[in-house]
C-alpha atoms as a PDB file:
ATOM      1  CA  THR A   1    -126.575 -90.976   0.188  1.00  0.00           C
ATOM      2  CA  LEU A   2    -128.887 -91.988  -3.362  1.00  0.00           C
ATOM      3  CA  TYR A   3    -129.103 -88.304  -4.821  1.00  0.00           C
ATOM      4  CA  PHE A   4    -124.782 -88.834  -4.908  1.00  0.00           C
ATOM      5  CA  SER A   5    -124.882 -92.715  -6.361  1.00  0.00           C
ATOM      6  CA  GLN A   6    -126.872 -90.959  -9.145  1.00  0.00           C
ATOM      7  CA  PHE A   7    -124.256 -88.625  -9.797  1.00  0.00           C
ATOM      8  CA  THR A   8    -121.440 -90.880  -9.962  1.00  0.00           C
ATOM      9  CA  PHE A   9    -122.990 -93.387 -12.241  1.00  0.00           C
ATOM     10  CA  ASN A  10    -123.901 -90.481 -14.226  1.00  0.00           C
ATOM     11  CA  ALA A  11    -120.395 -88.960 -14.907  1.00  0.00           C
ATOM     12  CA  VAL A  12    -119.182 -92.411 -14.840  1.00  0.00           C
ATOM     13  CA  TYR A  13    -121.137 -93.024 -17.903  1.00  0.00           C
ATOM     14  CA  LEU A  14    -120.452 -89.792 -19.941  1.00  0.00           C
ATOM     15  CA  VAL A  15    -116.464 -90.460 -19.183  1.00  0.00           C
ATOM     16  CA  LEU A  16    -116.905 -93.755 -20.442  1.00  0.00           C
ATOM     17  CA  PHE A  17    -119.649 -93.993 -23.060  1.00  0.00           C
ATOM     18  CA  ILE A  18    -118.577 -90.092 -24.545  1.00  0.00           C
ATOM     19  CA  TYR A  19    -115.511 -90.107 -24.034  1.00  0.00           C
ATOM     20  CA  ASP A  20    -115.551 -93.075 -26.048  1.00  0.00           C
ATOM     21  CA  ASN A  21    -117.480 -92.184 -28.524  1.00  0.00           C
ATOM     22  CA  ASN A  22    -115.782 -89.331 -29.870  1.00  0.00           C
ATOM     23  CA  ILE A  23    -111.616 -90.851 -29.502  1.00  0.00           C
ATOM     24  CA  ARG A  24    -113.543 -93.882 -31.611  1.00  0.00           C
ATOM     25  CA  GLN A  25    -114.930 -91.185 -34.140  1.00  0.00           C
ATOM     26  CA  ARG A  26    -111.206 -89.118 -34.850  1.00  0.00           C
ATOM     27  CA  LEU A  27    -109.597 -93.295 -35.531  1.00  0.00           C
ATOM     28  CA  MET A  28    -111.920 -93.570 -37.756  1.00  0.00           C
ATOM     29  CA  SER A  29    -112.004 -90.191 -39.661  1.00  0.00           C
ATOM     30  CA  ASN A  30    -108.176 -90.441 -39.426  1.00  0.00           C
ATOM     31  CA  SER A  31    -107.725 -94.074 -41.706  1.00  0.00           C
ATOM     32  CA  SER A  32    -110.340 -93.311 -43.848  1.00  0.00           C
ATOM     33  CA  ASN A  33    -108.708 -90.208 -44.838  1.00  0.00           C
ATOM     34  CA  ARG A  34    -105.645 -92.716 -44.807  1.00  0.00           C
ATOM     35  CA  LEU A  35    -107.749 -95.729 -47.295  1.00  0.00           C
ATOM     36  CA  VAL A  36    -108.485 -92.541 -49.164  1.00  0.00           C
ATOM     37  CA  GLU A  37    -104.918 -91.112 -49.392  1.00  0.00           C
ATOM     38  CA  LYS A  38    -103.501 -94.184 -50.587  1.00  0.00           C
ATOM     39  CA  LYS A  39    -106.532 -95.345 -52.963  1.00  0.00           C
ATOM     40  CA  LEU A  40    -105.400 -91.267 -54.223  1.00  0.00           C
ATOM     41  CA  MET A  41    -101.886 -91.585 -54.682  1.00  0.00           C
ATOM     42  CA  ILE A  42    -102.700 -95.932 -56.653  1.00  0.00           C
ATOM     43  CA  ASN A  43    -105.092 -93.859 -59.378  1.00  0.00           C
ATOM     44  CA  SER A  44    -101.949 -91.772 -60.258  1.00  0.00           C
ATOM     45  CA  GLU A  45     -99.288 -93.650 -60.513  1.00  0.00           C
ATOM     46  CA  ARG A  46    -101.945 -95.790 -63.018  1.00  0.00           C
ATOM     47  CA  SER A  47    -102.277 -92.747 -64.742  1.00  0.00           C
ATOM     48  CA  LEU A  48     -98.080 -92.641 -64.569  1.00  0.00           C
ATOM     49  CA  LYS A  49     -97.757 -95.900 -66.621  1.00  0.00           C
ATOM     50  CA  GLN A  50    -100.361 -95.538 -69.044  1.00  0.00           C
ATOM     51  CA  GLY A  51     -99.247 -92.300 -69.503  1.00  0.00           C
ATOM     52  CA  LYS A  52    -102.277 -90.555 -68.969  1.00  0.00           C
ATOM     53  CA  PHE A  53     -99.967 -87.024 -68.227  1.00  0.00           C
ATOM     54  CA  PRO A  54     -98.675 -84.527 -70.438  1.00  0.00           C
ATOM     55  CA  GLY A  55     -95.079 -86.305 -70.271  1.00  0.00           C
ATOM     56  CA  SER A  56     -95.072 -89.211 -68.450  1.00  0.00           C
ATOM     57  CA  GLN A  57     -94.249 -91.661 -71.570  1.00  0.00           C
ATOM     58  CA  ALA A  58     -89.995 -90.337 -71.287  1.00  0.00           C
ATOM     59  CA  ALA A  59     -90.344 -90.675 -67.351  1.00  0.00           C
ATOM     60  CA  ALA A  60     -92.058 -93.985 -67.790  1.00  0.00           C
ATOM     61  CA  GLN A  61     -90.363 -95.531 -70.026  1.00  0.00           C
ATOM     62  CA  GLU A  62     -86.624 -97.475 -69.468  1.00  0.00           C
ATOM     63  CA  ILE A  63     -83.196 -95.883 -69.916  1.00  0.00           C
ATOM     64  CA  PRO A  64     -80.007 -97.927 -70.201  1.00  0.00           C
ATOM     65  CA  VAL A  65     -77.492 -97.204 -68.180  1.00  0.00           C
ATOM     66  CA  GLU A  66     -73.781 -98.312 -69.813  1.00  0.00           C
ATOM     67  CA  VAL A  67     -71.307-100.199 -67.693  1.00  0.00           C
END
């Protein structure tokens, strides 16, 4: 019975700790990817406002609309 209890303990350990580590790493990588994408979007918006890209000044200027 001691053999089976050790086997059961090892199985539970592997499932709880090893599987949880894999899930946690995936969640961390997904959240870090979102942060990088958000930073890239913010930087590109700032660059557009500052006119660093060709044609962006025309796009950034407000066009008056007659009503």
